[in-house]
């Protein structure tokens, strides 16, 4: 797993996720990738993929940089938990305490 990257506009500093062709703040096309940094779980929900399957916990994470991202949460993570986001080679985003 690698640390999740978000985009930051080189002109106005707006942060964005997922990747954009143009800055949502000023419309310029000069976005650079930067580490997402830490955030806090805002909400969490538990899903059961099938009647006998393991439970999957998802949550919305508001990054200190601004964007809100949906991620898989570690066991026991609750609203307010401080996390860092990582991306697997398959593209899944995981929150880690």
PDB file of N, CA and C in Angstrom:
ATOM      1  N   UNK A   1       0.841  -1.181   0.000  1.00  0.00           N
ATOM      2  CA  UNK A   1       0.000   0.000   0.000  1.00  0.00           C
ATOM      3  C   UNK A   1       0.883   1.240   0.000  1.00  0.00           C
ATOM      4  N   UNK A   2       0.351   2.283  -0.612  1.00  0.00           N
ATOM      5  CA  UNK A   2       1.058   3.559  -0.648  1.00  0.00           C
ATOM      6  C   UNK A   2       0.145   4.657  -0.124  1.00  0.00           C
ATOM      7  N   UNK A   3       0.754   5.715   0.373  1.00  0.00           N
ATOM      8  CA  UNK A   3      -0.034   6.830   0.885  1.00  0.00           C
ATOM      9  C   UNK A   3      -0.876   7.425  -0.236  1.00  0.00           C
ATOM     10  N   UNK A   4      -2.131   7.727   0.065  1.00  0.00           N
ATOM     11  CA  UNK A   4      -3.033   8.308  -0.920  1.00  0.00           C
ATOM     12  C   UNK A   4      -2.532   9.682  -1.342  1.00  0.00           C
ATOM     13  N   UNK A   5      -2.640   9.984  -2.624  1.00  0.00           N
ATOM     14  CA  UNK A   5      -2.264  11.276  -3.178  1.00  0.00           C
ATOM     15  C   UNK A   5      -3.535  12.025  -3.592  1.00  0.00           C
ATOM     16  N   UNK A   6      -3.566  13.323  -3.318  1.00  0.00           N
ATOM     17  CA  UNK A   6      -4.630  14.191  -3.808  1.00  0.00           C
ATOM     18  C   UNK A   6      -3.977  15.209  -4.735  1.00  0.00           C
ATOM     19  N   UNK A   7      -4.763  16.049  -5.354  1.00  0.00           N
ATOM     20  CA  UNK A   7      -4.212  17.088  -6.209  1.00  0.00           C
ATOM     21  C   UNK A   7      -4.310  18.444  -5.530  1.00  0.00           C
ATOM     22  N   UNK A   8      -3.300  19.287  -5.779  1.00  0.00           N
ATOM     23  CA  UNK A   8      -3.305  20.662  -5.285  1.00  0.00           C
ATOM     24  C   UNK A   8      -3.007  21.575  -6.474  1.00  0.00           C
ATOM     25  N   UNK A   9      -3.807  22.609  -6.616  1.00  0.00           N
ATOM     26  CA  UNK A   9      -3.610  23.578  -7.693  1.00  0.00           C
ATOM     27  C   UNK A   9      -2.343  24.384  -7.421  1.00  0.00           C
ATOM     28  N   UNK A  10      -1.485  24.488  -8.431  1.00  0.00           N
ATOM     29  CA  UNK A  10      -0.243  25.245  -8.290  1.00  0.00           C
ATOM     30  C   UNK A  10      -0.492  26.746  -8.263  1.00  0.00           C
ATOM     31  N   UNK A  11      -1.693  27.189  -8.686  1.00  0.00           N
ATOM     32  CA  UNK A  11      -1.989  28.621  -8.734  1.00  0.00           C
ATOM     33  C   UNK A  11      -2.711  29.092  -7.475  1.00  0.00           C
ATOM     34  N   UNK A  12      -3.863  28.454  -7.147  1.00  0.00           N
ATOM     35  CA  UNK A  12      -4.676  28.954  -6.025  1.00  0.00           C
ATOM     36  C   UNK A  12      -4.596  28.090  -4.772  1.00  0.00           C
ATOM     37  N   UNK A  13      -3.996  26.886  -4.863  1.00  0.00           N
ATOM     38  CA  UNK A  13      -3.838  26.030  -3.689  1.00  0.00           C
ATOM     39  C   UNK A  13      -5.038  25.170  -3.343  1.00  0.00           C
ATOM     40  N   UNK A  14      -6.087  25.159  -4.192  1.00  0.00           N
ATOM     41  CA  UNK A  14      -7.265  24.319  -3.939  1.00  0.00           C
ATOM     42  C   UNK A  14      -6.866  22.849  -3.992  1.00  0.00           C
ATOM     43  N   UNK A  15      -7.349  22.048  -3.027  1.00  0.00           N
ATOM     44  CA  UNK A  15      -7.102  20.606  -3.004  1.00  0.00           C
ATOM     45  C   UNK A  15      -8.302  19.879  -3.585  1.00  0.00           C
ATOM     46  N   UNK A  16      -8.043  18.788  -4.330  1.00  0.00           N
ATOM     47  CA  UNK A  16      -9.133  18.064  -4.984  1.00  0.00           C
ATOM     48  C   UNK A  16      -8.880  16.561  -4.969  1.00  0.00           C
ATOM     49  N   UNK A  17      -9.964  15.811  -4.901  1.00  0.00           N
ATOM     50  CA  UNK A  17      -9.967  14.359  -5.060  1.00  0.00           C
ATOM     51  C   UNK A  17     -11.361  13.975  -5.508  1.00  0.00           C
ATOM     52  N   UNK A  18     -11.524  13.103  -6.503  1.00  0.00           N
ATOM     53  CA  UNK A  18     -10.505  12.440  -7.315  1.00  0.00           C
ATOM     54  C   UNK A  18      -9.817  13.419  -8.261  1.00  0.00           C
ATOM     55  N   UNK A  19      -8.848  12.883  -9.035  1.00  0.00           N
ATOM     56  CA  UNK A  19      -8.066  13.726  -9.940  1.00  0.00           C
ATOM     57  C   UNK A  19      -8.958  14.505 -10.902  1.00  0.00           C
ATOM     58  N   UNK A  20      -8.563  15.735 -11.157  1.00  0.00           N
ATOM     59  CA  UNK A  20      -9.281  16.639 -12.058  1.00  0.00           C
ATOM     60  C   UNK A  20      -8.342  17.085 -13.166  1.00  0.00           C
ATOM     61  N   UNK A  21      -8.909  17.431 -14.307  1.00  0.00           N
ATOM     62  CA  UNK A  21      -8.111  18.013 -15.384  1.00  0.00           C
ATOM     63  C   UNK A  21      -7.842  19.484 -15.118  1.00  0.00           C
ATOM     64  N   UNK A  22      -8.822  20.151 -14.493  1.00  0.00           N
ATOM     65  CA  UNK A  22      -8.711  21.576 -14.196  1.00  0.00           C
ATOM     66  C   UNK A  22      -9.071  21.798 -12.733  1.00  0.00           C
ATOM     67  N   UNK A  23      -8.502  22.832 -12.167  1.00  0.00           N
ATOM     68  CA  UNK A  23      -8.759  23.182 -10.772  1.00  0.00           C
ATOM     69  C   UNK A  23     -10.225  23.566 -10.587  1.00  0.00           C
ATOM     70  N   UNK A  24     -10.924  22.971  -9.575  1.00  0.00           N
ATOM     71  CA  UNK A  24     -12.313  23.360  -9.319  1.00  0.00           C
ATOM     72  C   UNK A  24     -12.426  24.756  -8.714  1.00  0.00           C
ATOM     73  N   UNK A  25     -11.309  25.324  -8.248  1.00  0.00           N
ATOM     74  CA  UNK A  25     -11.330  26.649  -7.654  1.00  0.00           C
ATOM     75  C   UNK A  25     -11.135  27.771  -8.648  1.00  0.00           C
ATOM     76  N   UNK A  26     -10.125  27.620  -9.524  1.00  0.00           N
ATOM     77  CA  UNK A  26      -9.795  28.720 -10.439  1.00  0.00           C
ATOM     78  C   UNK A  26      -9.813  28.327 -11.911  1.00  0.00           C
ATOM     79  N   UNK A  27      -9.975  27.038 -12.222  1.00  0.00           N
ATOM     80  CA  UNK A  27     -10.087  26.597 -13.608  1.00  0.00           C
ATOM     81  C   UNK A  27      -8.769  26.394 -14.336  1.00  0.00           C
ATOM     82  N   UNK A  28      -7.654  26.603 -13.677  1.00  0.00           N
ATOM     83  CA  UNK A  28      -6.343  26.428 -14.305  1.00  0.00           C
ATOM     84  C   UNK A  28      -6.006  24.938 -14.387  1.00  0.00           C
ATOM     85  N   UNK A  29      -5.255  24.518 -15.377  1.00  0.00           N
ATOM     86  CA  UNK A  29      -4.928  23.107 -15.577  1.00  0.00           C
ATOM     87  C   UNK A  29      -3.585  22.690 -15.020  1.00  0.00           C
ATOM     88  N   UNK A  30      -3.114  23.341 -13.968  1.00  0.00           N
ATOM     89  CA  UNK A  30      -1.804  23.005 -13.402  1.00  0.00           C
ATOM     90  C   UNK A  30      -1.979  22.406 -12.009  1.00  0.00           C
ATOM     91  N   UNK A  31      -2.370  21.137 -11.961  1.00  0.00           N
ATOM     92  CA  UNK A  31      -2.565  20.445 -10.698  1.00  0.00           C
ATOM     93  C   UNK A  31      -1.364  19.536 -10.449  1.00  0.00           C
ATOM     94  N   UNK A  32      -0.900  19.482  -9.198  1.00  0.00           N
ATOM     95  CA  UNK A  32       0.196  18.593  -8.834  1.00  0.00           C
ATOM     96  C   UNK A  32      -0.289  17.610  -7.775  1.00  0.00           C
ATOM     97  N   UNK A  33       0.320  16.423  -7.716  1.00  0.00           N
ATOM     98  CA  UNK A  33      -0.032  15.431  -6.710  1.00  0.00           C
ATOM     99  C   UNK A  33       0.760  15.680  -5.436  1.00  0.00           C
ATOM    100  N   UNK A  34       0.047  15.599  -4.301  1.00  0.00           N
ATOM    101  CA  UNK A  34       0.658  15.782  -2.979  1.00  0.00           C
ATOM    102  C   UNK A  34       0.076  14.722  -2.043  1.00  0.00           C
ATOM    103  N   UNK A  35       0.782  14.353  -0.965  1.00  0.00           N
ATOM    104  CA  UNK A  35       0.226  13.401  -0.002  1.00  0.00           C
ATOM    105  C   UNK A  35      -1.081  13.928   0.595  1.00  0.00           C
ATOM    106  N   UNK A  36      -2.036  13.028   0.793  1.00  0.00           N
ATOM    107  CA  UNK A  36      -3.348  13.412   1.317  1.00  0.00           C
ATOM    108  C   UNK A  36      -3.268  13.901   2.759  1.00  0.00           C
ATOM    109  N   UNK A  37      -2.342  13.370   3.536  1.00  0.00           N
ATOM    110  CA  UNK A  37      -2.242  13.766   4.942  1.00  0.00           C
ATOM    111  C   UNK A  37      -3.307  13.087   5.794  1.00  0.00           C
ATOM    112  N   UNK A  38      -3.480  13.588   6.979  1.00  0.00           N
ATOM    113  CA  UNK A  38      -4.409  12.990   7.947  1.00  0.00           C
ATOM    114  C   UNK A  38      -5.803  13.578   7.817  1.00  0.00           C
ATOM    115  N   UNK A  39      -6.752  12.866   8.410  1.00  0.00           N
ATOM    116  CA  UNK A  39      -8.129  13.331   8.448  1.00  0.00           C
ATOM    117  C   UNK A  39      -8.862  12.674   9.600  1.00  0.00           C
ATOM    118  N   UNK A  40     -10.160  12.947   9.676  1.00  0.00           N
ATOM    119  CA  UNK A  40     -11.000  12.386  10.736  1.00  0.00           C
ATOM    120  C   UNK A  40     -12.205  11.703  10.120  1.00  0.00           C
ATOM    121  N   UNK A  41     -12.587  10.563  10.713  1.00  0.00           N
ATOM    122  CA  UNK A  41     -13.790   9.859  10.278  1.00  0.00           C
ATOM    123  C   UNK A  41     -14.993  10.716  10.652  1.00  0.00           C
ATOM    124  N   UNK A  42     -15.834  11.028   9.652  1.00  0.00           N
ATOM    125  CA  UNK A  42     -17.059  11.804   9.921  1.00  0.00           C
ATOM    126  C   UNK A  42     -18.247  10.891  10.168  1.00  0.00           C
ATOM    127  N   UNK A  43     -18.341   9.833   9.400  1.00  0.00           N
ATOM    128  CA  UNK A  43     -19.442   8.873   9.547  1.00  0.00           C
ATOM    129  C   UNK A  43     -18.915   7.491   9.228  1.00  0.00           C
ATOM    130  N   UNK A  44     -19.541   6.475   9.795  1.00  0.00           N
ATOM    131  CA  UNK A  44     -19.169   5.107   9.444  1.00  0.00           C
ATOM    132  C   UNK A  44     -20.421   4.261   9.300  1.00  0.00           C
ATOM    133  N   UNK A  45     -20.306   3.227   8.485  1.00  0.00           N
ATOM    134  CA  UNK A  45     -21.404   2.283   8.302  1.00  0.00           C
ATOM    135  C   UNK A  45     -20.818   0.904   8.083  1.00  0.00           C
ATOM    136  N   UNK A  46     -21.542  -0.119   8.516  1.00  0.00           N
ATOM    137  CA  UNK A  46     -21.080  -1.494   8.356  1.00  0.00           C
ATOM    138  C   UNK A  46     -21.976  -2.206   7.350  1.00  0.00           C
ATOM    139  N   UNK A  47     -21.338  -2.849   6.386  1.00  0.00           N
ATOM    140  CA  UNK A  47     -22.055  -3.578   5.344  1.00  0.00           C
ATOM    141  C   UNK A  47     -21.801  -5.067   5.483  1.00  0.00           C
ATOM    142  N   UNK A  48     -22.804  -5.848   5.149  1.00  0.00           N
ATOM    143  CA  UNK A  48     -22.640  -7.301   5.081  1.00  0.00           C
ATOM    144  C   UNK A  48     -22.813  -7.657   3.612  1.00  0.00           C
ATOM    145  N   UNK A  49     -21.756  -8.206   3.014  1.00  0.00           N
ATOM    146  CA  UNK A  49     -21.796  -8.496   1.578  1.00  0.00           C
ATOM    147  C   UNK A  49     -22.673  -9.697   1.242  1.00  0.00           C
ATOM    148  N   UNK A  50     -22.838 -10.603   2.152  1.00  0.00           N
ATOM    149  CA  UNK A  50     -23.708 -11.766   1.975  1.00  0.00           C
ATOM    150  C   UNK A  50     -24.087 -12.241   3.374  1.00  0.00           C
ATOM    151  N   UNK A  51     -25.162 -13.028   3.507  1.00  0.00           N
ATOM    152  CA  UNK A  51     -25.613 -13.438   4.844  1.00  0.00           C
ATOM    153  C   UNK A  51     -24.535 -14.076   5.711  1.00  0.00           C
ATOM    154  N   UNK A  52     -23.608 -14.814   5.107  1.00  0.00           N
ATOM    155  CA  UNK A  52     -22.573 -15.470   5.914  1.00  0.00           C
ATOM    156  C   UNK A  52     -21.201 -14.828   5.748  1.00  0.00           C
ATOM    157  N   UNK A  53     -21.123 -13.713   5.032  1.00  0.00           N
ATOM    158  CA  UNK A  53     -19.827 -13.069   4.770  1.00  0.00           C
ATOM    159  C   UNK A  53     -19.386 -12.195   5.931  1.00  0.00           C
ATOM    160  N   UNK A  54     -18.107 -11.856   5.912  1.00  0.00           N
ATOM    161  CA  UNK A  54     -17.566 -10.934   6.903  1.00  0.00           C
ATOM    162  C   UNK A  54     -18.185  -9.555   6.713  1.00  0.00           C
ATOM    163  N   UNK A  55     -18.143  -8.771   7.775  1.00  0.00           N
ATOM    164  CA  UNK A  55     -18.648  -7.410   7.716  1.00  0.00           C
ATOM    165  C   UNK A  55     -17.574  -6.492   7.143  1.00  0.00           C
ATOM    166  N   UNK A  56     -18.002  -5.476   6.402  1.00  0.00           N
ATOM    167  CA  UNK A  56     -17.102  -4.475   5.833  1.00  0.00           C
ATOM    168  C   UNK A  56     -17.524  -3.125   6.400  1.00  0.00           C
ATOM    169  N   UNK A  57     -16.573  -2.390   6.977  1.00  0.00           N
ATOM    170  CA  UNK A  57     -16.883  -1.082   7.533  1.00  0.00           C
ATOM    171  C   UNK A  57     -16.326  -0.001   6.611  1.00  0.00           C
ATOM    172  N   UNK A  58     -17.217   0.888   6.155  1.00  0.00           N
ATOM    173  CA  UNK A  58     -16.850   2.011   5.306  1.00  0.00           C
ATOM    174  C   UNK A  58     -17.111   3.297   6.064  1.00  0.00           C
ATOM    175  N   UNK A  59     -16.415   4.347   5.678  1.00  0.00           N
ATOM    176  CA  UNK A  59     -16.654   5.629   6.320  1.00  0.00           C
ATOM    177  C   UNK A  59     -16.253   6.783   5.437  1.00  0.00           C
ATOM    178  N   UNK A  60     -16.802   7.947   5.746  1.00  0.00           N
ATOM    179  CA  UNK A  60     -16.357   9.158   5.075  1.00  0.00           C
ATOM    180  C   UNK A  60     -15.281   9.786   5.954  1.00  0.00           C
ATOM    181  N   UNK A  61     -14.181  10.158   5.299  1.00  0.00           N
ATOM    182  CA  UNK A  61     -13.051  10.764   5.993  1.00  0.00           C
ATOM    183  C   UNK A  61     -12.858  12.163   5.438  1.00  0.00           C
ATOM    184  N   UNK A  62     -12.926  13.168   6.305  1.00  0.00           N
ATOM    185  CA  UNK A  62     -12.640  14.541   5.889  1.00  0.00           C
ATOM    186  C   UNK A  62     -11.172  14.809   6.167  1.00  0.00           C
ATOM    187  N   UNK A  63     -10.428  15.025   5.090  1.00  0.00           N
ATOM    188  CA  UNK A  63      -9.007  15.320   5.219  1.00  0.00           C
ATOM    189  C   UNK A  63      -8.800  16.719   5.783  1.00  0.00           C
ATOM    190  N   UNK A  64      -7.727  16.916   6.505  1.00  0.00           N
ATOM    191  CA  UNK A  64      -7.385  18.254   6.991  1.00  0.00           C
ATOM    192  C   UNK A  64      -7.152  19.194   5.812  1.00  0.00           C
ATOM    193  N   UNK A  65      -6.781  18.623   4.647  1.00  0.00           N
ATOM    194  CA  UNK A  65      -6.574  19.410   3.431  1.00  0.00           C
ATOM    195  C   UNK A  65      -7.893  19.797   2.762  1.00  0.00           C
ATOM    196  N   UNK A  66      -9.021  19.209   3.205  1.00  0.00           N
ATOM    197  CA  UNK A  66     -10.314  19.618   2.687  1.00  0.00           C
ATOM    198  C   UNK A  66     -11.185  18.558   2.056  1.00  0.00           C
ATOM    199  N   UNK A  67     -10.674  17.751   1.093  1.00  0.00           N
ATOM    200  CA  UNK A  67     -11.551  16.791   0.429  1.00  0.00           C
ATOM    201  C   UNK A  67     -12.144  15.749   1.384  1.00  0.00           C
ATOM    202  N   UNK A  68     -13.320  15.230   1.019  1.00  0.00           N
ATOM    203  CA  UNK A  68     -13.976  14.150   1.753  1.00  0.00           C
ATOM    204  C   UNK A  68     -13.878  12.900   0.895  1.00  0.00           C
ATOM    205  N   UNK A  69     -13.421  11.794   1.494  1.00  0.00           N
ATOM    206  CA  UNK A  69     -13.149  10.564   0.756  1.00  0.00           C
ATOM    207  C   UNK A  69     -13.801   9.394   1.466  1.00  0.00           C
ATOM    208  N   UNK A  70     -14.393   8.484   0.706  1.00  0.00           N
ATOM    209  CA  UNK A  70     -14.954   7.248   1.265  1.00  0.00           C
ATOM    210  C   UNK A  70     -13.855   6.205   1.288  1.00  0.00           C
ATOM    211  N   UNK A  71     -13.685   5.546   2.444  1.00  0.00           N
ATOM    212  CA  UNK A  71     -12.603   4.577   2.606  1.00  0.00           C
ATOM    213  C   UNK A  71     -13.063   3.406   3.457  1.00  0.00           C
ATOM    214  N   UNK A  72     -12.355   2.286   3.328  1.00  0.00           N
ATOM    215  CA  UNK A  72     -12.573   1.159   4.242  1.00  0.00           C
ATOM    216  C   UNK A  72     -11.922   1.518   5.560  1.00  0.00           C
ATOM    217  N   UNK A  73     -12.631   1.247   6.642  1.00  0.00           N
ATOM    218  CA  UNK A  73     -12.145   1.611   7.975  1.00  0.00           C
ATOM    219  C   UNK A  73     -11.595   0.400   8.707  1.00  0.00           C
ATOM    220  N   UNK A  74     -10.605   0.627   9.579  1.00  0.00           N
ATOM    221  CA  UNK A  74     -10.111  -0.468  10.404  1.00  0.00           C
ATOM    222  C   UNK A  74     -11.137  -0.833  11.476  1.00  0.00           C
ATOM    223  N   UNK A  75     -11.048  -2.023  11.992  1.00  0.00           N
ATOM    224  CA  UNK A  75     -11.943  -2.475  13.054  1.00  0.00           C
ATOM    225  C   UNK A  75     -11.865  -1.520  14.236  1.00  0.00           C
ATOM    226  N   UNK A  76     -13.004  -1.079  14.708  1.00  0.00           N
ATOM    227  CA  UNK A  76     -13.059  -0.220  15.874  1.00  0.00           C
ATOM    228  C   UNK A  76     -13.011   1.269  15.581  1.00  0.00           C
ATOM    229  N   UNK A  77     -12.781   1.660  14.330  1.00  0.00           N
ATOM    230  CA  UNK A  77     -12.750   3.096  14.003  1.00  0.00           C
ATOM    231  C   UNK A  77     -14.158   3.652  14.103  1.00  0.00           C
ATOM    232  N   UNK A  78     -14.295   4.757  14.777  1.00  0.00           N
ATOM    233  CA  UNK A  78     -15.586   5.399  14.989  1.00  0.00           C
ATOM    234  C   UNK A  78     -15.514   6.853  14.556  1.00  0.00           C
ATOM    235  N   UNK A  79     -16.647   7.526  14.565  1.00  0.00           N
ATOM    236  CA  UNK A  79     -16.697   8.947  14.247  1.00  0.00           C
ATOM    237  C   UNK A  79     -15.694   9.695  15.119  1.00  0.00           C
ATOM    238  N   UNK A  80     -14.886  10.541  14.486  1.00  0.00           N
ATOM    239  CA  UNK A  80     -13.880  11.318  15.206  1.00  0.00           C
ATOM    240  C   UNK A  80     -12.494  10.700  15.226  1.00  0.00           C
ATOM    241  N   UNK A  81     -12.364   9.430  14.844  1.00  0.00           N
ATOM    242  CA  UNK A  81     -11.060   8.773  14.832  1.00  0.00           C
ATOM    243  C   UNK A  81     -10.144   9.446  13.811  1.00  0.00           C
ATOM    244  N   UNK A  82      -8.912   9.750  14.214  1.00  0.00           N
ATOM    245  CA  UNK A  82      -7.932  10.351  13.308  1.00  0.00           C
ATOM    246  C   UNK A  82      -7.285   9.228  12.498  1.00  0.00           C
ATOM    247  N   UNK A  83      -7.250   9.390  11.178  1.00  0.00           N
ATOM    248  CA  UNK A  83      -6.720   8.350  10.296  1.00  0.00           C
ATOM    249  C   UNK A  83      -5.852   8.966   9.194  1.00  0.00           C
ATOM    250  N   UNK A  84      -5.067   8.104   8.546  1.00  0.00           N
ATOM    251  CA  UNK A  84      -4.323   8.438   7.329  1.00  0.00           C
ATOM    252  C   UNK A  84      -4.815   7.467   6.267  1.00  0.00           C
ATOM    253  N   UNK A  85      -4.850   7.900   5.022  1.00  0.00           N
ATOM    254  CA  UNK A  85      -5.392   7.081   3.950  1.00  0.00           C
ATOM    255  C   UNK A  85      -4.292   6.477   3.092  1.00  0.00           C
ATOM    256  N   UNK A  86      -4.493   5.211   2.721  1.00  0.00           N
ATOM    257  CA  UNK A  86      -3.571   4.496   1.849  1.00  0.00           C
ATOM    258  C   UNK A  86      -4.363   3.879   0.706  1.00  0.00           C
ATOM    259  N   UNK A  87      -3.687   3.684  -0.443  1.00  0.00           N
ATOM    260  CA  UNK A  87      -4.325   3.074  -1.609  1.00  0.00           C
ATOM    261  C   UNK A  87      -3.589   1.778  -1.934  1.00  0.00           C
ATOM    262  N   UNK A  88      -4.370   0.708  -2.176  1.00  0.00           N
ATOM    263  CA  UNK A  88      -3.776  -0.560  -2.578  1.00  0.00           C
ATOM    264  C   UNK A  88      -3.445  -0.503  -4.067  1.00  0.00           C
ATOM    265  N   UNK A  89      -2.702  -1.497  -4.533  1.00  0.00           N
ATOM    266  CA  UNK A  89      -2.384  -1.559  -5.965  1.00  0.00           C
ATOM    267  C   UNK A  89      -3.644  -1.763  -6.798  1.00  0.00           C
ATOM    268  N   UNK A  90      -4.714  -2.294  -6.191  1.00  0.00           N
ATOM    269  CA  UNK A  90      -5.988  -2.481  -6.891  1.00  0.00           C
ATOM    270  C   UNK A  90      -6.829  -1.208  -6.894  1.00  0.00           C
ATOM    271  N   UNK A  91      -6.439  -0.206  -6.102  1.00  0.00           N
ATOM    272  CA  UNK A  91      -7.175   1.063  -6.068  1.00  0.00           C
ATOM    273  C   UNK A  91      -8.072   1.256  -4.860  1.00  0.00           C
ATOM    274  N   UNK A  92      -8.192   0.254  -3.987  1.00  0.00           N
ATOM    275  CA  UNK A  92      -9.017   0.394  -2.797  1.00  0.00           C
ATOM    276  C   UNK A  92      -8.362   1.368  -1.826  1.00  0.00           C
ATOM    277  N   UNK A  93      -9.162   2.234  -1.226  1.00  0.00           N
ATOM    278  CA  UNK A  93      -8.643   3.208  -0.265  1.00  0.00           C
ATOM    279  C   UNK A  93      -8.953   2.714   1.142  1.00  0.00           C
ATOM    280  N   UNK A  94      -7.912   2.603   1.959  1.00  0.00           N
ATOM    281  CA  UNK A  94      -8.025   2.136   3.340  1.00  0.00           C
ATOM    282  C   UNK A  94      -7.632   3.251   4.289  1.00  0.00           C
ATOM    283  N   UNK A  95      -8.342   3.360   5.388  1.00  0.00           N
ATOM    284  CA  UNK A  95      -7.984   4.276   6.463  1.00  0.00           C
ATOM    285  C   UNK A  95      -7.166   3.490   7.489  1.00  0.00           C
ATOM    286  N   UNK A  96      -6.101   4.099   7.988  1.00  0.00           N
ATOM    287  CA  UNK A  96      -5.255   3.488   9.011  1.00  0.00           C
ATOM    288  C   UNK A  96      -5.114   4.455  10.176  1.00  0.00           C
ATOM    289  N   UNK A  97      -5.248   3.903  11.388  1.00  0.00           N
ATOM    290  CA  UNK A  97      -5.100   4.760  12.579  1.00  0.00           C
ATOM    291  C   UNK A  97      -3.637   5.066  12.818  1.00  0.00           C
TER     292      UNK A  97
END
